[in-house]
Amino acid sequence: MRKFMRFPPRTLRFRSLLILAGALLLLAAFTPCANAALIRFYDMEGTDTPPYPVGLQSNTPAVEIGAATTLFLDNGTPGSPYAAVRTSQEAGLPFNLPPGAGTNLTSLGIHRSGLTPLGVEIPMPSSQGIYDVTSVSFAYGANGNGYAFVEVQISSNGGLTFSTIAGTLVALPTGPGFQVIIPIASGTTLNINPLVLRLLFTGGQSNGSDLQFQLDNIQINGTIVPEPATVAGGLLGVLGLCWHQRRRLLRSVRFRKA
C-alpha cells in the first residue's frame, strides 16, 4: 500500500509567498500611475525651430522631450502657420519655472498682434499611454496692446478641428510679466488618441511693429495612464502566473507520493 506524504507546510507557504510576491510585482508594473507629472515644458530655449527664432521643443525637466513634442504655431486657423516675420527672440520671463528647469534666457516675442490670433498647437501622441491633463500654465508679458484673452482647446482628430474646453477662457491683464495657470477637469483628455491641445490667444490690439506680447515657460501637467489593453494584459499575466504555479504545486504533491 502506498502512503501519501504531506507536502512540507513550510515549503508550501514559502512557495505561496513567492507566487504572491511575483504576482503583486507584476500587477504593480501595470497599475496606472496616480502621481502628477510635468508632461511637457516649453521654455523657448535650445536650437531654433525654423522658421521661428526660438526653440519649440519640450525640454527638461519634463517627462517627454525632443522632436516629437514640437509646437506648431498657427494664425488662428488650425494648420495654417503663424507668420515668422511677426515673431522675435526676446529675454526670458522669470515666471512659471518648474524645479530643475534650465537657464531662462529666451521667450517668444509677438508683433502686429492685431492682424491674427495666435494658436499654439501642442501635439501629444499617446506613446506611453493615455494623457489625463489636469492643468496648462504659461508665463506671458503684454505691453499694453498684446493679446487680451486665451483659451485652452482640444482636438480628437489630430489637429484638424478644435473645440474649447469649458471654463478655460481667461482674460489677460496688461503688464510686463504674469503666470497663468488654467486647471482642466480630470478625465477631460482621457481616451483621446491622437490628442492635440491648443492655446488660442485672441484680442490682439495693434498692427504696429513694436513688441506687444511675450510667451514663455508653457507647462502641461497631469498623469500618463497605461492603455486599457496594456492593463488587461498585465492582469491576465498575473492570473496566468498564479494558475501555472498552482499546477506546479499540485504536481509536486503527486510526485511525492510514496
Protein backbone atom coordinates (compact mmCIF):
# COMPACT_ATOMS: atom_id res chain seq x y z
CA MET A 1 0.00 0.00 0.00
CA ARG A 2 1.32 3.42 -0.95
CA LYS A 3 1.40 6.10 1.62
CA PHE A 4 0.76 9.74 0.86
CA MET A 5 3.39 12.13 2.15
CA ARG A 6 2.25 15.60 3.04
CA PHE A 7 3.87 18.39 1.15
CA PRO A 8 6.06 20.15 3.75
CA PRO A 9 3.91 23.01 5.05
CA ARG A 10 6.83 25.43 5.32
CA THR A 11 7.84 24.81 1.72
CA LEU A 12 4.25 25.26 0.59
CA ARG A 13 3.92 28.50 2.49
CA PHE A 14 7.25 29.75 1.15
CA ARG A 15 6.30 28.98 -2.44
CA SER A 16 2.90 30.57 -1.95
CA LEU A 17 4.56 33.72 -0.68
CA LEU A 18 6.87 33.77 -3.69
CA ILE A 19 3.91 33.39 -6.03
CA LEU A 20 2.02 36.17 -4.29
CA ALA A 21 5.04 38.49 -4.30
CA GLY A 22 5.65 37.89 -8.00
CA ALA A 23 2.01 38.48 -8.81
CA LEU A 24 1.94 41.75 -6.85
CA LEU A 25 5.11 42.98 -8.52
CA LEU A 26 3.73 42.24 -11.95
CA LEU A 27 0.41 43.85 -11.10
CA ALA A 28 2.17 46.97 -9.81
CA ALA A 29 4.02 47.27 -13.10
CA PHE A 30 0.73 47.55 -14.96
CA THR A 31 -1.21 49.65 -12.44
CA PRO A 32 -1.98 53.21 -13.63
CA CYS A 33 0.28 55.81 -12.03
CA ALA A 34 -1.56 58.28 -9.82
CA ASN A 35 1.37 60.65 -9.33
CA ALA A 36 1.13 64.01 -11.08
CA ALA A 37 3.91 64.75 -13.55
CA LEU A 38 5.24 67.59 -15.67
CA ILE A 39 4.45 66.01 -19.03
CA ARG A 40 5.71 68.84 -21.25
CA PHE A 41 7.73 72.03 -20.67
CA TYR A 42 8.31 74.61 -23.40
CA ASP A 43 10.84 77.25 -22.32
CA MET A 44 11.70 78.51 -25.84
CA GLU A 45 15.34 77.54 -25.30
CA GLY A 46 17.66 75.31 -27.32
CA THR A 47 18.05 75.04 -31.07
CA ASP A 48 15.70 77.32 -33.02
CA THR A 49 12.75 75.67 -34.77
CA PRO A 50 12.66 77.08 -38.35
CA PRO A 51 11.28 79.48 -39.41
CA TYR A 52 10.91 80.78 -35.85
CA PRO A 53 13.72 82.38 -33.82
CA VAL A 54 13.17 80.21 -30.70
CA GLY A 55 13.18 76.51 -29.84
CA LEU A 56 9.69 75.00 -29.84
CA GLN A 57 10.50 71.57 -28.39
CA SER A 58 9.72 70.36 -24.88
CA ASN A 59 12.77 70.40 -22.61
CA THR A 60 13.87 69.02 -19.25
CA PRO A 61 12.65 68.50 -16.57
CA ALA A 62 9.54 67.32 -18.47
CA VAL A 63 8.77 63.60 -18.83
CA GLU A 64 8.52 63.98 -22.61
CA ILE A 65 11.11 65.95 -24.59
CA GLY A 66 12.50 66.02 -28.12
CA ALA A 67 11.40 66.39 -31.74
CA ALA A 68 8.05 64.57 -31.37
CA THR A 69 6.93 67.24 -28.89
CA THR A 70 7.48 70.27 -31.20
CA LEU A 71 4.87 73.03 -31.05
CA PHE A 72 3.09 74.30 -34.16
CA LEU A 73 2.19 77.99 -34.26
CA ASP A 74 -0.94 78.84 -36.28
CA ASN A 75 -2.57 82.13 -37.26
CA GLY A 76 -5.97 81.34 -35.82
CA THR A 77 -6.74 78.67 -38.40
CA PRO A 78 -5.56 75.16 -37.41
CA GLY A 79 -2.67 74.01 -39.58
CA SER A 80 -2.06 77.47 -41.09
CA PRO A 81 1.35 78.72 -39.90
CA TYR A 82 1.80 81.94 -37.96
CA ALA A 83 3.91 84.45 -39.89
CA ALA A 84 7.50 84.13 -38.69
CA VAL A 85 8.20 87.78 -39.64
CA ARG A 86 5.91 88.79 -36.76
CA THR A 87 7.93 86.84 -34.18
CA SER A 88 11.19 87.56 -32.41
CA GLN A 89 13.52 86.20 -29.77
CA GLU A 90 13.20 88.14 -26.52
CA ALA A 91 14.57 87.88 -22.99
CA GLY A 92 13.17 85.05 -20.86
CA LEU A 93 10.34 85.69 -18.42
CA PRO A 94 11.10 84.65 -14.79
CA PHE A 95 7.66 83.11 -14.19
CA ASN A 96 6.19 79.59 -14.22
CA LEU A 97 9.57 77.89 -13.95
CA PRO A 98 9.49 74.32 -12.55
CA PRO A 99 12.23 72.97 -10.26
CA GLY A 100 15.12 71.70 -12.36
CA ALA A 101 14.48 74.00 -15.33
CA GLY A 102 17.46 75.08 -17.38
CA THR A 103 18.78 78.59 -17.97
CA ASN A 104 15.92 81.01 -18.62
CA LEU A 105 17.25 83.23 -21.40
CA THR A 106 14.61 83.27 -24.14
CA SER A 107 10.94 83.97 -24.75
CA LEU A 108 8.83 84.20 -27.91
CA GLY A 109 8.06 87.78 -28.93
CA ILE A 110 4.98 88.74 -30.97
CA HIS A 111 4.50 91.84 -33.15
CA ARG A 112 1.43 93.10 -35.09
CA SER A 113 -0.83 91.06 -32.83
CA GLY A 114 -3.92 92.76 -34.23
CA LEU A 115 -3.54 91.03 -37.59
CA THR A 116 -4.37 87.48 -36.47
CA PRO A 117 -4.84 85.37 -33.33
CA LEU A 118 -2.01 83.12 -32.19
CA GLY A 119 -2.70 79.41 -31.90
CA VAL A 120 -0.12 77.29 -30.06
CA GLU A 121 -0.82 73.69 -31.10
CA ILE A 122 0.62 71.03 -28.74
CA PRO A 123 0.70 67.55 -30.34
CA MET A 124 0.55 64.76 -27.75
CA PRO A 125 0.79 61.37 -29.47
CA SER A 126 0.00 58.64 -26.95
CA SER A 127 3.33 56.81 -26.98
CA GLN A 128 3.34 55.90 -23.28
CA GLY A 129 -0.36 55.71 -22.54
CA ILE A 130 -3.40 57.94 -22.17
CA TYR A 131 -2.90 61.52 -21.02
CA ASP A 132 -5.02 62.84 -18.18
CA VAL A 133 -4.03 66.51 -18.41
CA THR A 134 -5.05 68.46 -15.29
CA SER A 135 -3.54 71.90 -15.95
CA VAL A 136 -1.96 74.09 -18.61
CA SER A 137 0.13 77.06 -17.49
CA PHE A 138 2.47 79.63 -19.01
CA ALA A 139 4.27 82.92 -18.50
CA TYR A 140 3.48 85.97 -20.61
CA GLY A 141 4.06 89.68 -20.87
CA ALA A 142 1.66 92.14 -22.55
CA ASN A 143 2.95 95.64 -23.21
CA GLY A 144 -0.39 97.41 -23.40
CA ASN A 145 -1.62 96.21 -26.78
CA GLY A 146 -0.94 92.48 -26.97
CA TYR A 147 -3.41 89.61 -26.84
CA ALA A 148 -6.22 90.10 -24.34
CA PHE A 149 -7.65 86.57 -23.99
CA VAL A 150 -6.55 82.94 -24.01
CA GLU A 151 -8.47 79.67 -24.01
CA VAL A 152 -7.45 76.01 -23.98
CA GLN A 153 -8.78 73.91 -26.84
CA ILE A 154 -8.73 70.19 -27.58
CA SER A 155 -8.72 68.09 -30.75
CA SER A 156 -9.54 64.41 -31.12
CA ASN A 157 -8.77 64.20 -34.86
CA GLY A 158 -5.08 65.07 -34.94
CA GLY A 159 -5.48 68.85 -35.01
CA LEU A 160 -7.88 69.23 -37.93
CA THR A 161 -10.52 70.87 -35.74
CA PHE A 162 -10.55 72.11 -32.15
CA SER A 163 -13.18 72.80 -29.50
CA THR A 164 -12.77 74.94 -26.40
CA ILE A 165 -12.59 73.15 -23.07
CA ALA A 166 -15.34 74.55 -20.87
CA GLY A 167 -14.22 77.06 -18.28
CA THR A 168 -10.79 77.76 -19.76
CA LEU A 169 -11.32 81.24 -21.25
CA VAL A 170 -9.10 83.68 -19.35
CA ALA A 171 -8.73 87.47 -19.63
CA LEU A 172 -5.07 88.51 -19.70
CA PRO A 173 -4.10 91.59 -17.69
CA THR A 174 -1.64 94.04 -19.18
CA GLY A 175 1.82 94.12 -17.66
CA PRO A 176 5.47 93.10 -18.04
CA GLY A 177 5.09 89.57 -16.69
CA PHE A 178 2.50 87.17 -15.31
CA GLN A 179 1.94 83.48 -14.59
CA VAL A 180 -1.34 81.93 -15.75
CA ILE A 181 -2.49 78.50 -14.53
CA ILE A 182 -5.59 77.03 -16.18
CA PRO A 183 -7.00 73.93 -14.44
CA ILE A 184 -8.61 71.18 -16.53
CA ALA A 185 -11.08 68.74 -15.03
CA SER A 186 -9.56 65.29 -14.57
CA GLY A 187 -10.73 62.89 -17.27
CA THR A 188 -11.22 65.56 -19.95
CA THR A 189 -8.39 64.26 -22.15
CA LEU A 190 -8.67 60.54 -21.38
CA ASN A 191 -9.31 58.06 -24.23
CA ILE A 192 -8.32 60.61 -26.91
CA ASN A 193 -5.60 59.41 -29.28
CA PRO A 194 -4.19 61.27 -31.10
CA LEU A 195 -4.58 64.13 -28.63
CA VAL A 196 -3.71 67.71 -29.59
CA LEU A 197 -4.07 70.65 -27.19
CA ARG A 198 -4.10 74.28 -28.25
CA LEU A 199 -3.62 77.62 -26.55
CA LEU A 200 -5.57 80.19 -28.58
CA PHE A 201 -4.62 83.83 -27.92
CA THR A 202 -7.09 86.42 -29.22
CA GLY A 203 -7.88 90.12 -28.89
CA GLY A 204 -4.64 91.49 -30.33
CA GLN A 205 -4.84 95.27 -30.34
CA SER A 206 -2.05 96.62 -32.53
CA ASN A 207 -0.76 96.34 -36.08
CA GLY A 208 2.47 98.12 -35.15
CA SER A 209 5.93 96.59 -35.28
CA ASP A 210 6.68 97.19 -31.60
CA LEU A 211 6.94 94.26 -29.18
CA GLN A 212 3.39 93.62 -27.96
CA PHE A 213 3.37 90.15 -26.43
CA GLN A 214 5.79 87.59 -24.99
CA LEU A 215 5.17 83.89 -24.30
CA ASP A 216 7.37 81.59 -22.24
CA ASN A 217 7.55 78.51 -19.98
CA ILE A 218 4.45 76.59 -21.09
CA GLN A 219 3.74 73.63 -18.78
CA ILE A 220 1.43 70.66 -19.40
CA ASN A 221 0.77 68.85 -16.12
CA GLY A 222 -1.16 65.68 -15.37
CA THR A 223 -0.65 61.93 -15.45
CA ILE A 224 0.14 59.33 -18.10
CA VAL A 225 -2.16 56.34 -17.62
CA PRO A 226 -1.35 52.98 -19.28
CA GLU A 227 -3.67 51.97 -22.11
CA PRO A 228 -6.59 49.73 -21.02
CA ALA A 229 -5.32 46.93 -23.26
CA THR A 230 -1.94 47.05 -21.52
CA VAL A 231 -3.52 46.92 -18.08
CA ALA A 232 -5.70 44.00 -19.15
CA GLY A 233 -2.64 42.18 -20.46
CA GLY A 234 -0.88 42.68 -17.15
CA LEU A 235 -3.82 41.31 -15.18
CA LEU A 236 -4.05 38.27 -17.46
CA GLY A 237 -0.34 37.74 -16.90
CA VAL A 238 -0.83 37.76 -13.13
CA LEU A 239 -3.67 35.23 -13.38
CA GLY A 240 -1.63 33.04 -15.71
CA LEU A 241 1.34 33.06 -13.34
CA CYS A 242 -0.83 32.09 -10.37
CA TRP A 243 -2.52 29.29 -12.33
CA HIS A 244 0.79 27.97 -13.60
CA GLN A 245 2.32 27.91 -10.12
CA ARG A 246 -0.79 26.24 -8.69
CA ARG A 247 -0.47 23.39 -11.19
CA ARG A 248 3.23 23.01 -10.37
CA LEU A 249 2.44 22.73 -6.68
CA LEU A 250 -0.21 20.08 -7.32
CA ARG A 251 2.20 18.08 -9.47
CA SER A 252 4.84 18.31 -6.77
CA VAL A 253 2.42 16.80 -4.24
CA ARG A 254 1.62 13.89 -6.55
CA PHE A 255 5.30 13.19 -7.25
CA ARG A 256 5.99 12.93 -3.53
CA LYS A 257 3.54 10.07 -3.04
CA ALA A 258 5.24 7.02 -1.57
